[in-house]
Every structure is written in structure tokens, then in C-alpha cells.
Amino acid sequence: MASSLTQKTNRFAAVFLNIKQNKLFESIVVAVILFSALMIGAKTYNIPPNVLTVIVWLDYAITIFFLIEISIRFFAETNKLQFFKSGWNIFDTIIVVVSLIPIEDSELALVGRLIRIFRVLRMVSVIPELRTLLNSLLRALPQLGYVALLMFIIVYIYAAVGTTFFAGVNKTLWGDIAISMLTLFRVMTFEDWTDVMYETMEVYPLSWIFYISFIFLNAFAFLNMLIGIVVNVMEKENAEQWQKEHAGETTIQDLSDQIKELKQLITDQK
């Protein structure tokens, strides 16, 4: 009796799993998420009341669709507890459930609008490539933090030097160390940085060394380090994902090793 019930449950889950893995279904989910994002943007404009009413009803329809979609994903799991072991599933469930609460005309209307804005993030949980990219960024954060700390130290030193020498040239840009750091951030992003440099060069002709060295360190060296760390983590993430997807499969290297072992056995027997 128990085994029969288990088989029925597995068949029931298999039906929803086929729907979940269907490419057409995935495309529809992505299209609805994009349409939901467009509606959120449309609400920021001054639109006629009748069009706003249509948008509200469409929003209800989208919320119901998301409820159906998250239910399909839940029932596709043979072990229902496994569904809630994924942080993305929990995030999607919270977004959908909160969207069902009628708080548009209450004091929590702002919360309702924010929740609908965050529905766009469901794109990450739907598209595996985006999920891999975000996971890579999160895994790279510890290493990125050390590089960011080193960048802060360099910016702080340059800001102190800039304040010491250039405060008399332009107090608006170099009046204190905090303002100097903002000015250096402007230089680092190449936002009219030459105007800042030429202004100080009128008083200190060799001040171009200050700017060129700063740009080389922060805009080139450290930026490339950040990119290298993210790319390295992404490669590891993709490799781990590939190993999970192809676990148990025989690779060319495995076949080559087996052939070598067979050759060795034949040689030993001779």
C-alpha cells in the first residue's frame, strides 16, 4: 500500500517536473516577469484612470500566474522539504505570497509596491545562467573585499596628499580629506578629471604625476584585479556545475585511463 502510494506520488511529481522543465513554460515565465517589470514602470507615468484599472487587473492576473508557477515547481519535487532547501525557492515563495496580500489601499501600500518591484529579481531564479553569475559574485565577495580595502587605503593616502597640496588651489575639491576622496573618485571614473588636473598644474606643474599614478593604480591595476577575481570564481562555478550535471558519466580521460590499465594488464600477463 505504501509503495503504491509512493509510486503515485512519484508519477504526480513527474508530471509537474515535465511542465517545469518544458522550454515553452520557461519562456512564458520569463516573458511574464518582463511584462510585470514593464507594468511597474508604466505605473510611474501619469496615465488615464481606465488604463490604470486595466494595469491593476493585469497585475492580479500576473500574481495568480506566479502562484500557479511556484506551485508547479513545488509539486515537481518528490521530496517537498527539498524545495525549501533552496534559497531562491524561499525568496520566490515569499514574493508570491506577499503579493497575494491586498495591501494596495492600506498604510502598507508602499511595501506592496516594493514587493512587486522585487518580482523582477525572480528572473535570476528562473534563468540558470543568471543564477550562476550571481552565485559567482557572492562567492567572490571575500576576495573582492580585500582588494576594495587596499583600494580604500590607496585612495585615503592620495586624498591626504591632495588635501595637503591642493587645498589652497580649490577648497571645493580639496578642502578636507572626505571631499578629496570624492574628487579622487571622480578622477577614477574619468569624469572631467583633466579639468581637475589642469587646475592644479597651474600652481604645481608636476602634479600630473599625482593623477597619472593614481589612475594607474586604481582605474587599471585594481580594476583588472577585481575583474580577474570574478572571472576566476565564475570559471570554478561553471566547472563545479558541469561536474554536477555530468556526475557518473564516463569522460574521454576516464576511457584513456581504462585503456592504459588494460594495456598494462595485458603486458603483465605476457
Protein backbone atom coordinates (compact mmCIF):
# COMPACT_ATOMS: atom_id res chain seq x y z
CA MET A 1 0.00 0.00 0.00
CA ALA A 2 2.80 2.37 0.95
CA SER A 3 4.80 1.53 -2.17
CA SER A 4 1.71 2.08 -4.35
CA LEU A 5 1.17 5.50 -2.76
CA THR A 6 4.83 6.34 -3.32
CA GLN A 7 4.60 5.39 -6.98
CA LYS A 8 1.51 7.57 -7.43
CA THR A 9 3.32 10.46 -5.74
CA ASN A 10 6.34 10.00 -7.98
CA ARG A 11 4.15 9.91 -11.11
CA PHE A 12 2.33 13.01 -9.89
CA ALA A 13 5.66 14.79 -9.34
CA ALA A 14 6.94 13.61 -12.74
CA VAL A 15 4.01 15.33 -14.49
CA PHE A 16 4.82 18.67 -12.87
CA LEU A 17 8.54 18.12 -13.43
CA ASN A 18 7.93 17.76 -17.16
CA ILE A 19 5.98 21.03 -17.13
CA LYS A 20 8.70 22.77 -15.11
CA GLN A 21 11.46 21.62 -17.47
CA ASN A 22 9.49 22.45 -20.60
CA LYS A 23 11.28 25.17 -22.57
CA LEU A 24 8.00 26.77 -23.63
CA PHE A 25 6.89 27.03 -20.00
CA GLU A 26 10.23 28.60 -19.01
CA SER A 27 9.94 31.10 -21.87
CA ILE A 28 6.41 32.04 -20.78
CA VAL A 29 7.59 32.59 -17.20
CA VAL A 30 10.42 34.85 -18.40
CA ALA A 31 8.00 36.77 -20.65
CA VAL A 32 5.55 37.30 -17.78
CA ILE A 33 8.34 38.54 -15.50
CA LEU A 34 9.45 41.02 -18.18
CA PHE A 35 5.85 42.12 -18.72
CA SER A 36 5.47 42.59 -14.97
CA ALA A 37 8.57 44.80 -14.95
CA LEU A 38 7.14 46.91 -17.80
CA MET A 39 3.89 47.38 -15.88
CA ILE A 40 5.79 48.55 -12.81
CA GLY A 41 7.49 51.14 -14.99
CA ALA A 42 4.18 52.16 -16.58
CA LYS A 43 2.72 52.99 -13.16
CA THR A 44 5.35 55.71 -12.69
CA TYR A 45 3.79 57.75 -15.51
CA ASN A 46 0.62 59.85 -15.46
CA ILE A 47 -1.80 57.51 -17.18
CA PRO A 48 -5.61 57.66 -17.61
CA PRO A 49 -7.69 56.04 -14.84
CA ASN A 50 -9.19 53.46 -17.20
CA VAL A 51 -5.71 52.32 -18.32
CA LEU A 52 -4.63 52.18 -14.66
CA THR A 53 -7.61 49.92 -13.92
CA VAL A 54 -6.54 47.57 -16.71
CA ILE A 55 -2.99 47.52 -15.31
CA VAL A 56 -4.31 46.67 -11.83
CA TRP A 57 -6.30 43.72 -13.19
CA LEU A 58 -3.31 42.56 -15.22
CA ASP A 59 -1.25 42.74 -12.04
CA TYR A 60 -3.75 40.44 -10.32
CA ALA A 61 -3.53 38.03 -13.27
CA ILE A 62 0.28 38.04 -13.11
CA THR A 63 0.19 37.35 -9.36
CA ILE A 64 -2.11 34.35 -9.94
CA PHE A 65 0.19 33.12 -12.73
CA PHE A 66 3.18 33.33 -10.37
CA LEU A 67 1.21 31.41 -7.75
CA ILE A 68 0.50 28.64 -10.28
CA GLU A 69 4.13 28.64 -11.42
CA ILE A 70 5.55 28.35 -7.89
CA SER A 71 3.01 25.58 -7.16
CA ILE A 72 4.19 23.65 -10.21
CA ARG A 73 7.78 23.94 -9.04
CA PHE A 74 6.77 22.80 -5.55
CA PHE A 75 4.79 19.77 -6.71
CA ALA A 76 7.61 18.83 -9.12
CA GLU A 77 9.74 17.93 -6.09
CA THR A 78 9.36 14.33 -4.92
CA ASN A 79 10.68 15.37 -1.51
CA LYS A 80 8.78 18.55 -0.68
CA LEU A 81 11.27 19.58 2.02
CA GLN A 82 13.96 19.65 -0.67
CA PHE A 83 12.11 22.56 -2.29
CA PHE A 84 12.71 24.81 0.73
CA LYS A 85 16.41 23.97 0.93
CA SER A 86 16.97 26.34 -1.98
CA GLY A 87 17.26 29.99 -1.00
CA TRP A 88 15.88 31.06 -4.38
CA ASN A 89 12.74 28.95 -3.88
CA ILE A 90 12.17 30.56 -0.48
CA PHE A 91 12.69 34.02 -1.99
CA ASP A 92 10.22 33.31 -4.82
CA THR A 93 7.65 31.90 -2.41
CA ILE A 94 7.84 34.94 -0.12
CA ILE A 95 7.48 37.33 -3.06
CA VAL A 96 4.44 35.47 -4.41
CA VAL A 97 2.74 35.06 -1.03
CA VAL A 98 3.20 38.71 -0.05
CA SER A 99 1.92 39.79 -3.48
CA LEU A 100 -1.35 37.98 -2.69
CA ILE A 101 -1.99 40.15 0.38
CA PRO A 102 -4.36 43.03 -0.51
CA ILE A 103 -2.42 45.99 0.90
CA GLU A 104 -2.66 48.43 -2.02
CA ASP A 105 -5.17 50.70 -0.25
CA SER A 106 -3.68 50.42 3.22
CA GLU A 107 -0.78 52.01 5.07
CA LEU A 108 1.42 49.20 3.76
CA ALA A 109 0.81 50.15 0.13
CA LEU A 110 4.48 51.17 -0.22
CA VAL A 111 5.55 47.70 0.91
CA GLY A 112 3.24 46.16 -1.69
CA ARG A 113 4.80 48.26 -4.44
CA LEU A 114 8.32 47.33 -3.31
CA ILE A 115 7.42 43.63 -3.32
CA ARG A 116 6.16 43.94 -6.90
CA ILE A 117 9.41 45.64 -7.87
CA PHE A 118 11.38 42.73 -6.41
CA ARG A 119 9.40 40.35 -8.60
CA VAL A 120 11.80 41.32 -11.37
CA LEU A 121 14.54 39.55 -9.39
CA ARG A 122 12.70 36.30 -10.00
CA MET A 123 14.40 36.39 -13.39
CA VAL A 124 17.57 35.30 -11.59
CA SER A 125 15.92 32.21 -10.09
CA VAL A 126 14.34 31.26 -13.42
CA ILE A 127 17.42 31.62 -15.65
CA PRO A 128 20.28 29.30 -14.53
CA GLU A 129 22.98 31.44 -16.18
CA LEU A 130 21.97 34.49 -14.15
CA ARG A 131 21.87 32.36 -11.01
CA THR A 132 25.41 31.10 -11.71
CA LEU A 133 26.61 34.67 -12.29
CA LEU A 134 25.12 35.91 -9.02
CA ASN A 135 26.48 32.93 -7.08
CA SER A 136 29.91 33.65 -8.53
CA LEU A 137 29.73 37.27 -7.40
CA LEU A 138 28.68 36.22 -3.89
CA ARG A 139 31.50 33.68 -3.66
CA ALA A 140 33.98 36.29 -4.87
CA LEU A 141 32.97 38.84 -2.22
CA PRO A 142 35.60 37.82 0.39
CA GLN A 143 38.45 38.23 -2.13
CA LEU A 144 36.90 41.38 -3.57
CA GLY A 145 36.69 42.79 -0.04
CA TYR A 146 40.48 42.61 0.41
CA VAL A 147 41.08 44.34 -2.93
CA ALA A 148 38.48 47.00 -2.04
CA LEU A 149 40.22 47.55 1.32
CA LEU A 150 43.55 48.04 -0.42
CA MET A 151 41.90 50.46 -2.87
CA PHE A 152 40.47 52.41 0.08
CA ILE A 153 43.92 52.67 1.68
CA ILE A 154 45.45 53.99 -1.56
CA VAL A 155 42.60 56.47 -2.07
CA TYR A 156 42.92 57.63 1.55
CA ILE A 157 46.67 58.24 1.16
CA TYR A 158 46.20 60.12 -2.10
CA ALA A 159 43.35 62.15 -0.58
CA ALA A 160 45.59 63.17 2.33
CA VAL A 161 48.32 64.22 -0.10
CA GLY A 162 45.81 66.07 -2.29
CA THR A 163 44.38 67.97 0.67
CA THR A 164 47.86 68.93 1.84
CA PHE A 165 48.98 70.36 -1.50
CA PHE A 166 45.81 71.35 -3.38
CA ALA A 167 43.52 72.78 -0.68
CA GLY A 168 44.79 76.26 -1.47
CA VAL A 169 44.10 75.77 -5.17
CA ASN A 170 40.44 74.77 -4.85
CA LYS A 171 38.79 74.27 -1.46
CA THR A 172 35.64 72.95 -3.13
CA LEU A 173 37.54 69.92 -4.45
CA TRP A 174 40.34 69.53 -1.90
CA GLY A 175 39.05 71.27 1.26
CA ASP A 176 39.25 68.22 3.52
CA ILE A 177 40.06 64.55 3.22
CA ALA A 178 36.44 63.46 2.71
CA ILE A 179 35.91 65.91 -0.17
CA SER A 180 39.30 64.94 -1.59
CA MET A 181 38.23 61.28 -1.64
CA LEU A 182 35.10 62.23 -3.59
CA THR A 183 37.26 64.21 -6.01
CA LEU A 184 39.54 61.21 -6.46
CA PHE A 185 36.52 59.03 -7.10
CA ARG A 186 35.58 61.47 -9.85
CA VAL A 187 39.12 61.16 -11.24
CA MET A 188 38.94 57.37 -11.01
CA THR A 189 35.72 57.32 -13.07
CA PHE A 190 37.29 59.71 -15.65
CA GLU A 191 34.53 62.30 -15.11
CA ASP A 192 36.21 65.52 -16.37
CA TRP A 193 39.32 64.56 -14.46
CA THR A 194 41.56 66.53 -16.81
CA ASP A 195 39.88 69.78 -15.67
CA VAL A 196 40.87 68.96 -12.10
CA MET A 197 44.43 68.13 -13.16
CA TYR A 198 44.96 71.24 -15.30
CA GLU A 199 43.72 73.44 -12.45
CA THR A 200 46.36 72.13 -10.04
CA MET A 201 49.05 72.10 -12.74
CA GLU A 202 48.80 75.88 -12.96
CA VAL A 203 50.22 76.02 -9.42
CA TYR A 204 52.11 72.68 -9.31
CA PRO A 205 53.30 71.84 -12.85
CA LEU A 206 54.37 68.33 -11.84
CA SER A 207 51.01 67.46 -10.25
CA TRP A 208 50.18 65.37 -13.33
CA ILE A 209 52.33 62.64 -11.74
CA PHE A 210 49.87 62.56 -8.84
CA TYR A 211 46.90 61.94 -11.15
CA ILE A 212 48.57 59.53 -13.58
CA SER A 213 49.92 57.32 -10.79
CA PHE A 214 46.55 57.32 -9.03
CA ILE A 215 44.68 56.38 -12.21
CA PHE A 216 47.19 53.65 -12.99
CA LEU A 217 46.81 52.09 -9.54
CA ASN A 218 43.04 52.31 -9.13
CA ALA A 219 41.47 52.51 -12.57
CA PHE A 220 43.79 49.99 -14.23
CA ALA A 221 45.61 47.73 -11.78
CA PHE A 222 42.95 47.26 -9.08
CA LEU A 223 40.06 47.20 -11.56
CA ASN A 224 41.74 44.42 -13.53
CA MET A 225 42.35 42.56 -10.27
CA LEU A 226 38.62 42.76 -9.45
CA ILE A 227 37.70 41.51 -12.91
CA GLY A 228 40.25 38.69 -12.68
CA ILE A 229 38.88 37.52 -9.33
CA VAL A 230 35.28 37.47 -10.61
CA VAL A 231 36.24 35.64 -13.82
CA ASN A 232 38.28 33.07 -11.86
CA VAL A 233 35.39 32.37 -9.48
CA MET A 234 32.95 32.13 -12.42
CA GLU A 235 35.17 29.55 -14.11
CA LYS A 236 35.26 27.48 -10.92
CA GLU A 237 31.49 27.83 -10.54
CA ASN A 238 30.91 26.67 -14.12
CA ALA A 239 33.30 23.75 -13.65
CA GLU A 240 31.50 22.64 -10.48
CA GLN A 241 28.12 22.99 -12.20
CA TRP A 242 29.36 20.90 -15.13
CA GLN A 243 30.62 18.20 -12.77
CA LYS A 244 27.24 18.07 -11.01
CA GLU A 245 25.35 17.82 -14.29
CA HIS A 246 27.66 15.13 -15.69
CA ALA A 247 28.22 13.16 -12.50
CA GLY A 248 28.54 9.47 -13.26
CA GLU A 249 29.26 9.98 -16.95
CA THR A 250 32.38 8.46 -18.45
CA THR A 251 34.72 11.08 -19.86
CA ILE A 252 37.42 10.72 -22.53
CA GLN A 253 40.06 10.93 -19.80
CA ASP A 254 38.38 8.06 -17.93
CA LEU A 255 38.34 5.92 -21.10
CA SER A 256 42.00 6.75 -21.73
CA ASP A 257 42.93 5.70 -18.19
CA GLN A 258 40.96 2.45 -18.54
CA ILE A 259 42.68 1.65 -21.85
CA LYS A 260 46.08 2.23 -20.22
CA GLU A 261 45.12 -0.09 -17.37
CA LEU A 262 44.04 -2.80 -19.83
CA LYS A 263 47.28 -2.43 -21.77
CA GLN A 264 49.23 -2.75 -18.52
CA LEU A 265 47.30 -5.89 -17.54
CA ILE A 266 47.93 -7.47 -20.94
CA THR A 267 51.62 -6.60 -20.69
CA ASP A 268 51.85 -8.11 -17.19
CA GLN A 269 50.16 -11.33 -18.34
CA LYS A 270 52.64 -11.70 -21.21
